[in-house]
Amino acid sequence: MTTSLLVLGALLIAAIVFVLWIVGIYNSLVALRNRFKNAFSQIEVQLKRRYDLIPNLVETAKGYLKHERETLEAVIKARNIALAASQSVAANPADATSMKGLVAAETGLAGALSRLMVVAEQYPELKANQNMLQLTEELTSTENKIAFARQAYNDSVMTYNTAREIFPAVAFAGAMGFQPAELFRIEDAAERTAPKVNFG
């Protein structure tokens, strides 16, 4: 009888240790997932700042670029698509499909902004406009902040993905609802460059 109690006690202790081990894995993955979600919220702050600057930039340019209406409309349309994609990702940064949509939308916005800047270069009065100079300076600063925030996000995603893919977490992560997170990266090398903004 004492032997069976010892065996039962040993099994009970082993079960408790196993459950605590699983709880530790779960809690660790939750913390890492929350870290990359927080890192995305930092990107979101900077994207919102950029999205708020763009209409002001377009309004300032509108008076000078009367014959470039298509370019201005393309920038606003790309901005609206990117804003919607950003809001979709903000609801769940772990959703790979939403993140890919945001990357595509940001690529389109970067292209539209680049075209606007190329057109704006052809108008000396616009280049000298104080409002335009200030807005483009703020936009450049925001682009740099987005790049830093995106790097921090990608680092957090990499840490999370690594933690969920190593043993023993890999045996339980999928069953516990921890799906891989998508990096925020721009695939095409030509699209990786931020819109060049220089009116100086």
C-alpha atoms as a PDB file:
ATOM      1  CA  MET A   1       0.000   0.000   0.000  1.00  0.00           C
ATOM      2  CA  THR A   2       2.811   2.457   0.727  1.00  0.00           C
ATOM      3  CA  THR A   3       4.461   1.567  -2.571  1.00  0.00           C
ATOM      4  CA  SER A   4       1.263   2.315  -4.476  1.00  0.00           C
ATOM      5  CA  LEU A   5       0.920   5.616  -2.581  1.00  0.00           C
ATOM      6  CA  LEU A   6       4.511   6.504  -3.484  1.00  0.00           C
ATOM      7  CA  VAL A   7       3.871   5.679  -7.137  1.00  0.00           C
ATOM      8  CA  LEU A   8       0.616   7.635  -7.070  1.00  0.00           C
ATOM      9  CA  GLY A   9       2.385  10.584  -5.378  1.00  0.00           C
ATOM     10  CA  ALA A  10       5.191  10.456  -7.936  1.00  0.00           C
ATOM     11  CA  LEU A  11       2.664  10.424 -10.801  1.00  0.00           C
ATOM     12  CA  LEU A  12       0.769  13.305  -9.231  1.00  0.00           C
ATOM     13  CA  ILE A  13       3.980  15.330  -8.864  1.00  0.00           C
ATOM     14  CA  ALA A  14       4.959  14.498 -12.465  1.00  0.00           C
ATOM     15  CA  ALA A  15       1.500  15.599 -13.670  1.00  0.00           C
ATOM     16  CA  ILE A  16       1.740  18.869 -11.733  1.00  0.00           C
ATOM     17  CA  VAL A  17       5.232  19.552 -13.120  1.00  0.00           C
ATOM     18  CA  PHE A  18       3.989  18.783 -16.649  1.00  0.00           C
ATOM     19  CA  VAL A  19       1.009  21.124 -16.279  1.00  0.00           C
ATOM     20  CA  LEU A  20       3.230  23.887 -14.867  1.00  0.00           C
ATOM     21  CA  TRP A  21       5.663  23.355 -17.749  1.00  0.00           C
ATOM     22  CA  ILE A  22       2.818  23.739 -20.303  1.00  0.00           C
ATOM     23  CA  VAL A  23       1.529  26.820 -18.458  1.00  0.00           C
ATOM     24  CA  GLY A  24       5.049  28.298 -18.611  1.00  0.00           C
ATOM     25  CA  ILE A  25       5.247  27.720 -22.367  1.00  0.00           C
ATOM     26  CA  TYR A  26       1.790  29.242 -22.836  1.00  0.00           C
ATOM     27  CA  ASN A  27       2.564  32.303 -20.722  1.00  0.00           C
ATOM     28  CA  SER A  28       5.861  32.844 -22.510  1.00  0.00           C
ATOM     29  CA  LEU A  29       4.178  32.745 -25.919  1.00  0.00           C
ATOM     30  CA  VAL A  30       1.438  35.124 -24.731  1.00  0.00           C
ATOM     31  CA  ALA A  31       4.067  37.609 -23.526  1.00  0.00           C
ATOM     32  CA  LEU A  32       5.951  37.422 -26.831  1.00  0.00           C
ATOM     33  CA  ARG A  33       2.753  37.777 -28.864  1.00  0.00           C
ATOM     34  CA  ASN A  34       1.753  40.831 -26.835  1.00  0.00           C
ATOM     35  CA  ARG A  35       5.222  42.289 -27.353  1.00  0.00           C
ATOM     36  CA  PHE A  36       4.974  42.131 -31.148  1.00  0.00           C
ATOM     37  CA  LYS A  37       1.412  43.475 -31.055  1.00  0.00           C
ATOM     38  CA  ASN A  38       2.675  46.420 -29.013  1.00  0.00           C
ATOM     39  CA  ALA A  39       5.525  46.879 -31.488  1.00  0.00           C
ATOM     40  CA  PHE A  40       2.964  47.082 -34.294  1.00  0.00           C
ATOM     41  CA  SER A  41       1.050  49.735 -32.386  1.00  0.00           C
ATOM     42  CA  GLN A  42       4.216  51.855 -32.519  1.00  0.00           C
ATOM     43  CA  ILE A  43       4.267  51.454 -36.311  1.00  0.00           C
ATOM     44  CA  GLU A  44       0.580  52.338 -36.374  1.00  0.00           C
ATOM     45  CA  VAL A  45       1.240  55.633 -34.570  1.00  0.00           C
ATOM     46  CA  GLN A  46       3.799  56.642 -37.201  1.00  0.00           C
ATOM     47  CA  LEU A  47       1.657  55.436 -40.112  1.00  0.00           C
ATOM     48  CA  LYS A  48      -1.258  57.490 -38.780  1.00  0.00           C
ATOM     49  CA  ARG A  49       1.030  60.522 -38.599  1.00  0.00           C
ATOM     50  CA  ARG A  50       2.033  59.971 -42.231  1.00  0.00           C
ATOM     51  CA  TYR A  51      -1.576  59.434 -43.314  1.00  0.00           C
ATOM     52  CA  ASP A  52      -2.510  62.707 -41.598  1.00  0.00           C
ATOM     53  CA  LEU A  53       0.323  64.620 -43.314  1.00  0.00           C
ATOM     54  CA  ILE A  54      -0.515  63.448 -46.830  1.00  0.00           C
ATOM     55  CA  PRO A  55      -3.801  65.384 -47.288  1.00  0.00           C
ATOM     56  CA  ASN A  56      -2.037  68.572 -46.150  1.00  0.00           C
ATOM     57  CA  LEU A  57       0.780  67.892 -48.601  1.00  0.00           C
ATOM     58  CA  VAL A  58      -1.712  67.334 -51.422  1.00  0.00           C
ATOM     59  CA  GLU A  59      -3.685  70.485 -50.496  1.00  0.00           C
ATOM     60  CA  THR A  60      -0.500  72.550 -50.543  1.00  0.00           C
ATOM     61  CA  ALA A  61       0.538  71.105 -53.892  1.00  0.00           C
ATOM     62  CA  LYS A  62      -2.945  71.381 -55.408  1.00  0.00           C
ATOM     63  CA  GLY A  63      -2.668  75.117 -56.061  1.00  0.00           C
ATOM     64  CA  TYR A  64       0.551  74.654 -58.019  1.00  0.00           C
ATOM     65  CA  LEU A  65      -0.156  71.346 -59.725  1.00  0.00           C
ATOM     66  CA  LYS A  66      -3.436  72.185 -61.465  1.00  0.00           C
ATOM     67  CA  HIS A  67      -2.513  70.022 -64.442  1.00  0.00           C
ATOM     68  CA  GLU A  68      -1.483  67.064 -62.304  1.00  0.00           C
ATOM     69  CA  ARG A  69      -4.881  66.157 -60.905  1.00  0.00           C
ATOM     70  CA  GLU A  70      -4.428  62.424 -61.599  1.00  0.00           C
ATOM     71  CA  THR A  71      -1.227  62.364 -59.564  1.00  0.00           C
ATOM     72  CA  LEU A  72      -2.882  64.093 -56.612  1.00  0.00           C
ATOM     73  CA  GLU A  73      -5.911  61.792 -56.763  1.00  0.00           C
ATOM     74  CA  ALA A  74      -3.638  58.737 -56.945  1.00  0.00           C
ATOM     75  CA  VAL A  75      -1.853  59.838 -53.761  1.00  0.00           C
ATOM     76  CA  ILE A  76      -5.117  60.331 -51.862  1.00  0.00           C
ATOM     77  CA  LYS A  77      -6.502  57.017 -53.130  1.00  0.00           C
ATOM     78  CA  ALA A  78      -3.293  55.166 -52.136  1.00  0.00           C
ATOM     79  CA  ARG A  79      -3.366  56.888 -48.736  1.00  0.00           C
ATOM     80  CA  ASN A  80      -6.956  55.773 -48.118  1.00  0.00           C
ATOM     81  CA  ILE A  81      -6.179  52.175 -49.113  1.00  0.00           C
ATOM     82  CA  ALA A  82      -3.125  52.136 -46.850  1.00  0.00           C
ATOM     83  CA  LEU A  83      -5.104  53.628 -43.956  1.00  0.00           C
ATOM     84  CA  ALA A  84      -7.783  50.932 -44.279  1.00  0.00           C
ATOM     85  CA  ALA A  85      -5.128  48.208 -44.470  1.00  0.00           C
ATOM     86  CA  SER A  86      -3.386  49.637 -41.399  1.00  0.00           C
ATOM     87  CA  GLN A  87      -6.632  49.577 -39.434  1.00  0.00           C
ATOM     88  CA  SER A  88      -7.208  45.970 -40.488  1.00  0.00           C
ATOM     89  CA  VAL A  89      -3.776  44.935 -39.229  1.00  0.00           C
ATOM     90  CA  ALA A  90      -4.188  46.957 -36.032  1.00  0.00           C
ATOM     91  CA  ALA A  91      -7.212  44.802 -35.192  1.00  0.00           C
ATOM     92  CA  ASN A  92      -5.010  41.682 -35.314  1.00  0.00           C
ATOM     93  CA  PRO A  93      -1.289  42.087 -36.100  1.00  0.00           C
ATOM     94  CA  ALA A  94      -0.910  38.297 -36.039  1.00  0.00           C
ATOM     95  CA  ASP A  95      -3.080  37.921 -39.176  1.00  0.00           C
ATOM     96  CA  ALA A  96      -0.667  37.190 -42.021  1.00  0.00           C
ATOM     97  CA  THR A  97      -3.198  38.058 -44.737  1.00  0.00           C
ATOM     98  CA  SER A  98      -3.855  41.508 -43.272  1.00  0.00           C
ATOM     99  CA  MET A  99      -0.116  42.155 -42.924  1.00  0.00           C
ATOM    100  CA  LYS A 100       0.463  41.221 -46.568  1.00  0.00           C
ATOM    101  CA  GLY A 101      -2.370  43.590 -47.525  1.00  0.00           C
ATOM    102  CA  LEU A 102      -0.732  46.394 -45.553  1.00  0.00           C
ATOM    103  CA  VAL A 103       2.630  45.755 -47.199  1.00  0.00           C
ATOM    104  CA  ALA A 104       0.984  45.929 -50.640  1.00  0.00           C
ATOM    105  CA  ALA A 105      -0.912  49.103 -49.713  1.00  0.00           C
ATOM    106  CA  GLU A 106       2.223  50.748 -48.318  1.00  0.00           C
ATOM    107  CA  THR A 107       4.082  49.855 -51.504  1.00  0.00           C
ATOM    108  CA  GLY A 108       1.353  51.543 -53.557  1.00  0.00           C
ATOM    109  CA  LEU A 109       1.430  54.613 -51.326  1.00  0.00           C
ATOM    110  CA  ALA A 110       5.218  54.889 -51.548  1.00  0.00           C
ATOM    111  CA  GLY A 111       4.979  54.748 -55.351  1.00  0.00           C
ATOM    112  CA  ALA A 112       2.256  57.408 -55.467  1.00  0.00           C
ATOM    113  CA  LEU A 113       4.213  59.702 -53.123  1.00  0.00           C
ATOM    114  CA  SER A 114       7.345  59.240 -55.217  1.00  0.00           C
ATOM    115  CA  ARG A 115       5.448  60.254 -58.356  1.00  0.00           C
ATOM    116  CA  LEU A 116       4.085  63.326 -56.532  1.00  0.00           C
ATOM    117  CA  MET A 117       7.585  64.343 -55.454  1.00  0.00           C
ATOM    118  CA  VAL A 118       8.950  63.926 -58.984  1.00  0.00           C
ATOM    119  CA  VAL A 119       6.153  66.100 -60.368  1.00  0.00           C
ATOM    120  CA  ALA A 120       6.584  68.672 -57.563  1.00  0.00           C
ATOM    121  CA  GLU A 121      10.284  69.017 -58.439  1.00  0.00           C
ATOM    122  CA  GLN A 122       9.211  70.564 -61.744  1.00  0.00           C
ATOM    123  CA  TYR A 123       7.511  73.528 -60.026  1.00  0.00           C
ATOM    124  CA  PRO A 124      10.026  75.975 -58.518  1.00  0.00           C
ATOM    125  CA  GLU A 125       7.306  78.005 -56.764  1.00  0.00           C
ATOM    126  CA  LEU A 126       6.052  74.881 -55.043  1.00  0.00           C
ATOM    127  CA  LYS A 127       9.572  73.860 -54.055  1.00  0.00           C
ATOM    128  CA  ALA A 128      10.014  77.267 -52.399  1.00  0.00           C
ATOM    129  CA  ASN A 129       6.653  77.184 -50.603  1.00  0.00           C
ATOM    130  CA  GLN A 130       7.253  77.242 -46.830  1.00  0.00           C
ATOM    131  CA  ASN A 131       4.289  74.977 -46.105  1.00  0.00           C
ATOM    132  CA  MET A 132       5.525  72.411 -48.615  1.00  0.00           C
ATOM    133  CA  LEU A 133       9.037  72.528 -47.173  1.00  0.00           C
ATOM    134  CA  GLN A 134       7.748  71.964 -43.653  1.00  0.00           C
ATOM    135  CA  LEU A 135       5.387  69.161 -44.687  1.00  0.00           C
ATOM    136  CA  THR A 136       8.044  67.332 -46.667  1.00  0.00           C
ATOM    137  CA  GLU A 137      10.474  67.649 -43.761  1.00  0.00           C
ATOM    138  CA  GLU A 138       7.867  66.182 -41.401  1.00  0.00           C
ATOM    139  CA  LEU A 139       7.120  63.434 -43.911  1.00  0.00           C
ATOM    140  CA  THR A 140      10.808  62.530 -44.181  1.00  0.00           C
ATOM    141  CA  SER A 141      11.123  62.459 -40.392  1.00  0.00           C
ATOM    142  CA  THR A 142       8.033  60.253 -40.163  1.00  0.00           C
ATOM    143  CA  GLU A 143       9.417  57.866 -42.795  1.00  0.00           C
ATOM    144  CA  ASN A 144      12.531  57.442 -40.638  1.00  0.00           C
ATOM    145  CA  LYS A 145      10.414  56.775 -37.547  1.00  0.00           C
ATOM    146  CA  ILE A 146       8.380  54.209 -39.477  1.00  0.00           C
ATOM    147  CA  ALA A 147      11.580  52.439 -40.504  1.00  0.00           C
ATOM    148  CA  PHE A 148      12.773  52.249 -36.876  1.00  0.00           C
ATOM    149  CA  ALA A 149       9.362  51.094 -35.623  1.00  0.00           C
ATOM    150  CA  ARG A 150       9.172  48.476 -38.374  1.00  0.00           C
ATOM    151  CA  GLN A 151      12.599  47.150 -37.369  1.00  0.00           C
ATOM    152  CA  ALA A 152      11.486  46.863 -33.730  1.00  0.00           C
ATOM    153  CA  TYR A 153       8.302  45.092 -34.843  1.00  0.00           C
ATOM    154  CA  ASN A 154      10.208  42.658 -37.063  1.00  0.00           C
ATOM    155  CA  ASP A 155      12.614  41.907 -34.197  1.00  0.00           C
ATOM    156  CA  SER A 156       9.658  41.147 -31.896  1.00  0.00           C
ATOM    157  CA  VAL A 157       8.021  38.955 -34.539  1.00  0.00           C
ATOM    158  CA  MET A 158      11.283  37.067 -35.065  1.00  0.00           C
ATOM    159  CA  THR A 159      11.613  36.425 -31.321  1.00  0.00           C
ATOM    160  CA  TYR A 160       7.991  35.246 -31.121  1.00  0.00           C
ATOM    161  CA  ASN A 161       8.233  33.009 -34.198  1.00  0.00           C
ATOM    162  CA  THR A 162      11.479  31.487 -32.939  1.00  0.00           C
ATOM    163  CA  ALA A 163       9.986  30.794 -29.506  1.00  0.00           C
ATOM    164  CA  ARG A 164       6.923  29.093 -30.999  1.00  0.00           C
ATOM    165  CA  GLU A 165       9.012  27.002 -33.401  1.00  0.00           C
ATOM    166  CA  ILE A 166      11.581  25.577 -30.963  1.00  0.00           C
ATOM    167  CA  PHE A 167      11.024  22.424 -28.984  1.00  0.00           C
ATOM    168  CA  PRO A 168       9.033  21.925 -26.784  1.00  0.00           C
ATOM    169  CA  ALA A 169       6.775  24.895 -27.675  1.00  0.00           C
ATOM    170  CA  VAL A 170       6.394  23.694 -31.268  1.00  0.00           C
ATOM    171  CA  ALA A 171       4.518  20.628 -29.959  1.00  0.00           C
ATOM    172  CA  PHE A 172       1.867  22.801 -28.308  1.00  0.00           C
ATOM    173  CA  ALA A 173       1.894  26.242 -29.968  1.00  0.00           C
ATOM    174  CA  GLY A 174      -0.487  25.471 -32.824  1.00  0.00           C
ATOM    175  CA  ALA A 175      -2.925  23.638 -30.568  1.00  0.00           C
ATOM    176  CA  MET A 176      -2.916  26.588 -28.160  1.00  0.00           C
ATOM    177  CA  GLY A 177      -3.722  29.064 -30.964  1.00  0.00           C
ATOM    178  CA  PHE A 178      -0.275  30.559 -31.497  1.00  0.00           C
ATOM    179  CA  GLN A 179       0.058  30.955 -35.253  1.00  0.00           C
ATOM    180  CA  PRO A 180       3.189  32.320 -36.956  1.00  0.00           C
ATOM    181  CA  ALA A 181       3.325  36.103 -37.271  1.00  0.00           C
ATOM    182  CA  GLU A 182       4.187  37.867 -40.510  1.00  0.00           C
ATOM    183  CA  LEU A 183       7.128  40.225 -40.797  1.00  0.00           C
ATOM    184  CA  PHE A 184       6.473  43.743 -42.076  1.00  0.00           C
ATOM    185  CA  ARG A 185       8.816  43.777 -45.044  1.00  0.00           C
ATOM    186  CA  ILE A 186       8.734  45.132 -48.536  1.00  0.00           C
ATOM    187  CA  GLU A 187       9.658  42.424 -51.019  1.00  0.00           C
ATOM    188  CA  ASP A 188      10.778  44.376 -54.087  1.00  0.00           C
ATOM    189  CA  ALA A 189      14.165  46.051 -53.606  1.00  0.00           C
ATOM    190  CA  ALA A 190      13.091  49.025 -55.733  1.00  0.00           C
ATOM    191  CA  GLU A 191      10.125  49.535 -53.395  1.00  0.00           C
ATOM    192  CA  ARG A 192      12.265  49.469 -50.239  1.00  0.00           C
ATOM    193  CA  THR A 193      13.486  52.991 -50.738  1.00  0.00           C
ATOM    194  CA  ALA A 194      11.404  55.638 -49.025  1.00  0.00           C
ATOM    195  CA  PRO A 195      10.004  58.379 -51.228  1.00  0.00           C
ATOM    196  CA  LYS A 196      12.772  60.910 -51.748  1.00  0.00           C
ATOM    197  CA  VAL A 197      11.667  64.244 -50.441  1.00  0.00           C
ATOM    198  CA  ASN A 198      14.022  67.120 -51.062  1.00  0.00           C
ATOM    199  CA  PHE A 199      13.017  70.687 -51.793  1.00  0.00           C
ATOM    200  CA  GLY A 200      16.174  72.253 -50.377  1.00  0.00           C
END
